[in-house]
């Protein structure tokens, strides 16, 4: 609920430390991928580049918010 009211906080958390959260999401257990060969470091850089664009996080959060409404 708090992130919905202050939407820039999730952006700051994900953008901190050069999007280290993507590394945790894809490569660290228990959330990481089973077969790490399915995603290269170049693929991870594409995710980082995409979400580093201004306004991308707001669109993502709005789509999640609409899903749960």
N, C-alpha and C. Protein backbone atom coordinates (compact mmCIF):
# COMPACT_ATOMS: atom_id res chain seq x y z
N UNK A 1 0.82 -1.18 0.00
CA UNK A 1 0.00 0.00 0.00
C UNK A 1 0.87 1.26 0.00
N UNK A 2 1.93 1.21 0.72
CA UNK A 2 2.81 2.37 0.82
C UNK A 2 3.44 2.71 -0.52
N UNK A 3 3.87 1.71 -1.27
CA UNK A 3 4.49 1.97 -2.57
C UNK A 3 3.49 2.55 -3.56
N UNK A 4 2.23 2.22 -3.40
CA UNK A 4 1.21 2.78 -4.27
C UNK A 4 1.03 4.28 -4.01
N UNK A 5 1.18 4.68 -2.76
CA UNK A 5 0.98 6.08 -2.40
C UNK A 5 2.20 6.94 -2.73
N UNK A 6 3.38 6.36 -2.69
CA UNK A 6 4.61 7.10 -3.00
C UNK A 6 5.35 6.31 -4.09
N UNK A 7 4.98 6.51 -5.36
CA UNK A 7 5.47 5.63 -6.43
C UNK A 7 6.94 5.79 -6.78
N UNK A 8 7.60 6.86 -6.37
CA UNK A 8 8.99 7.02 -6.76
C UNK A 8 9.93 6.21 -5.86
N UNK A 9 9.46 5.73 -4.73
CA UNK A 9 10.33 4.93 -3.84
C UNK A 9 10.71 3.60 -4.47
N UNK A 10 9.79 2.83 -5.07
CA UNK A 10 10.23 1.60 -5.75
C UNK A 10 11.23 1.86 -6.87
N UNK A 11 11.05 2.99 -7.57
CA UNK A 11 12.01 3.34 -8.62
C UNK A 11 13.40 3.54 -8.03
N UNK A 12 13.49 4.26 -6.94
CA UNK A 12 14.79 4.50 -6.31
C UNK A 12 15.41 3.20 -5.80
N UNK A 13 14.59 2.32 -5.25
CA UNK A 13 15.11 1.06 -4.73
C UNK A 13 15.66 0.18 -5.86
N UNK A 14 14.94 0.09 -6.97
CA UNK A 14 15.41 -0.73 -8.07
C UNK A 14 16.60 -0.12 -8.79
N UNK A 15 16.64 1.21 -8.88
CA UNK A 15 17.73 1.86 -9.60
C UNK A 15 19.01 1.94 -8.79
N UNK A 16 18.94 1.70 -7.50
CA UNK A 16 20.13 1.81 -6.67
C UNK A 16 21.15 0.72 -7.00
N UNK A 17 22.39 1.07 -6.88
CA UNK A 17 23.50 0.13 -7.09
C UNK A 17 23.45 -0.52 -8.47
N UNK A 18 23.21 0.32 -9.50
CA UNK A 18 23.20 -0.13 -10.89
C UNK A 18 22.24 -1.31 -11.11
N UNK A 19 21.03 -1.17 -10.61
CA UNK A 19 19.99 -2.18 -10.78
C UNK A 19 20.44 -3.55 -10.26
N UNK A 20 21.05 -3.57 -9.11
CA UNK A 20 21.50 -4.83 -8.52
C UNK A 20 20.33 -5.75 -8.20
N UNK A 21 19.14 -5.19 -8.09
CA UNK A 21 17.97 -6.03 -7.81
C UNK A 21 17.70 -7.00 -8.97
N UNK A 22 18.01 -6.60 -10.20
CA UNK A 22 17.85 -7.53 -11.32
C UNK A 22 18.80 -8.72 -11.19
N UNK A 23 19.99 -8.48 -10.71
CA UNK A 23 20.92 -9.59 -10.49
C UNK A 23 20.33 -10.56 -9.46
N UNK A 24 19.77 -10.01 -8.39
CA UNK A 24 19.16 -10.87 -7.36
C UNK A 24 17.94 -11.60 -7.90
N UNK A 25 17.14 -10.91 -8.71
CA UNK A 25 15.92 -11.53 -9.23
C UNK A 25 16.24 -12.71 -10.14
N UNK A 26 17.24 -12.56 -10.99
CA UNK A 26 17.50 -13.59 -11.99
C UNK A 26 18.56 -14.61 -11.59
N UNK A 27 19.47 -14.27 -10.68
CA UNK A 27 20.60 -15.17 -10.45
C UNK A 27 20.75 -15.69 -9.04
N UNK A 28 20.00 -15.19 -8.07
CA UNK A 28 20.17 -15.62 -6.68
C UNK A 28 18.96 -16.42 -6.25
N UNK A 29 19.19 -17.53 -5.56
CA UNK A 29 18.10 -18.34 -5.05
C UNK A 29 17.42 -17.61 -3.92
N UNK A 30 16.17 -17.81 -3.65
CA UNK A 30 15.24 -18.79 -4.22
C UNK A 30 14.50 -18.29 -5.45
N UNK A 31 14.63 -17.00 -5.81
CA UNK A 31 13.87 -16.48 -6.94
C UNK A 31 14.59 -16.69 -8.27
N UNK A 32 15.84 -16.98 -8.25
CA UNK A 32 16.62 -17.04 -9.48
C UNK A 32 16.21 -18.15 -10.42
N UNK A 33 16.74 -18.10 -11.62
CA UNK A 33 16.41 -19.09 -12.63
C UNK A 33 17.07 -20.43 -12.30
N UNK A 34 16.42 -21.49 -12.72
CA UNK A 34 16.97 -22.82 -12.50
C UNK A 34 18.15 -23.06 -13.42
N UNK A 35 17.99 -22.75 -14.69
CA UNK A 35 19.05 -22.92 -15.68
C UNK A 35 19.59 -21.54 -16.04
N UNK A 36 20.71 -21.18 -15.46
CA UNK A 36 21.26 -19.85 -15.65
C UNK A 36 21.81 -19.63 -17.06
N UNK A 37 21.92 -20.68 -17.85
CA UNK A 37 22.38 -20.54 -19.23
C UNK A 37 21.31 -19.96 -20.14
N UNK A 38 20.06 -19.91 -19.65
CA UNK A 38 18.97 -19.37 -20.47
C UNK A 38 19.02 -17.86 -20.60
N UNK A 39 19.78 -17.20 -19.74
CA UNK A 39 19.86 -15.74 -19.80
C UNK A 39 21.31 -15.32 -19.65
N UNK A 40 21.79 -14.58 -20.64
CA UNK A 40 23.18 -14.13 -20.61
C UNK A 40 23.27 -12.78 -19.90
N UNK A 41 24.48 -12.34 -19.66
CA UNK A 41 24.69 -11.03 -19.06
C UNK A 41 24.24 -9.91 -20.00
N UNK A 42 24.31 -10.16 -21.31
CA UNK A 42 23.81 -9.17 -22.27
C UNK A 42 22.30 -9.01 -22.15
N UNK A 43 21.59 -10.11 -21.92
CA UNK A 43 20.15 -10.03 -21.72
C UNK A 43 19.83 -9.21 -20.47
N UNK A 44 20.62 -9.40 -19.44
CA UNK A 44 20.42 -8.65 -18.20
C UNK A 44 20.67 -7.16 -18.43
N UNK A 45 21.65 -6.83 -19.25
CA UNK A 45 21.92 -5.43 -19.56
C UNK A 45 20.77 -4.80 -20.33
N UNK A 46 20.08 -5.59 -21.15
CA UNK A 46 18.91 -5.08 -21.88
C UNK A 46 17.81 -4.71 -20.88
N UNK A 47 17.58 -5.55 -19.87
CA UNK A 47 16.61 -5.23 -18.83
C UNK A 47 17.01 -3.93 -18.12
N UNK A 48 18.26 -3.83 -17.77
CA UNK A 48 18.73 -2.63 -17.07
C UNK A 48 18.55 -1.38 -17.92
N UNK A 49 18.88 -1.49 -19.20
CA UNK A 49 18.74 -0.33 -20.08
C UNK A 49 17.27 0.06 -20.23
N UNK A 50 16.41 -0.93 -20.41
CA UNK A 50 14.99 -0.65 -20.60
C UNK A 50 14.40 0.08 -19.40
N UNK A 51 14.70 -0.41 -18.21
CA UNK A 51 14.12 0.19 -17.02
C UNK A 51 14.88 1.42 -16.55
N UNK A 52 16.00 1.74 -17.17
CA UNK A 52 16.69 2.97 -16.82
C UNK A 52 16.10 4.18 -17.54
N UNK A 53 15.25 3.94 -18.54
CA UNK A 53 14.61 5.03 -19.27
C UNK A 53 13.59 5.71 -18.36
N UNK A 54 13.50 7.01 -18.48
CA UNK A 54 12.61 7.78 -17.63
C UNK A 54 11.15 7.41 -17.89
N UNK A 55 10.43 7.13 -16.81
CA UNK A 55 9.01 6.83 -16.89
C UNK A 55 8.66 5.38 -17.07
N UNK A 56 9.62 4.51 -17.31
CA UNK A 56 9.31 3.09 -17.54
C UNK A 56 8.79 2.42 -16.28
N UNK A 57 9.33 2.80 -15.13
CA UNK A 57 8.87 2.19 -13.88
C UNK A 57 7.43 2.57 -13.58
N UNK A 58 7.06 3.81 -13.88
CA UNK A 58 5.69 4.23 -13.61
C UNK A 58 4.71 3.44 -14.46
N UNK A 59 5.04 3.20 -15.72
CA UNK A 59 4.16 2.39 -16.57
C UNK A 59 4.04 0.97 -16.04
N UNK A 60 5.13 0.42 -15.60
CA UNK A 60 5.13 -0.94 -15.05
C UNK A 60 4.28 -1.00 -13.78
N UNK A 61 4.47 -0.04 -12.88
CA UNK A 61 3.72 -0.03 -11.63
C UNK A 61 2.23 0.22 -11.88
N UNK A 62 1.91 1.05 -12.86
CA UNK A 62 0.51 1.29 -13.17
C UNK A 62 -0.15 0.03 -13.72
N UNK A 63 0.57 -0.73 -14.52
CA UNK A 63 -0.01 -1.97 -15.06
C UNK A 63 -0.26 -2.98 -13.95
N UNK A 64 0.64 -3.06 -12.98
CA UNK A 64 0.43 -3.95 -11.84
C UNK A 64 -0.73 -3.46 -11.00
N UNK A 65 -0.80 -2.16 -10.79
CA UNK A 65 -1.89 -1.58 -10.01
C UNK A 65 -3.24 -1.86 -10.68
N UNK A 66 -3.31 -1.73 -12.00
CA UNK A 66 -4.55 -2.01 -12.72
C UNK A 66 -4.93 -3.48 -12.66
N UNK A 67 -3.95 -4.33 -12.59
CA UNK A 67 -4.21 -5.78 -12.51
C UNK A 67 -4.92 -6.12 -11.21
N UNK A 68 -4.52 -5.47 -10.12
CA UNK A 68 -5.09 -5.79 -8.82
C UNK A 68 -6.34 -4.97 -8.48
N UNK A 69 -6.70 -4.00 -9.31
CA UNK A 69 -7.92 -3.22 -9.05
C UNK A 69 -9.15 -3.92 -9.55
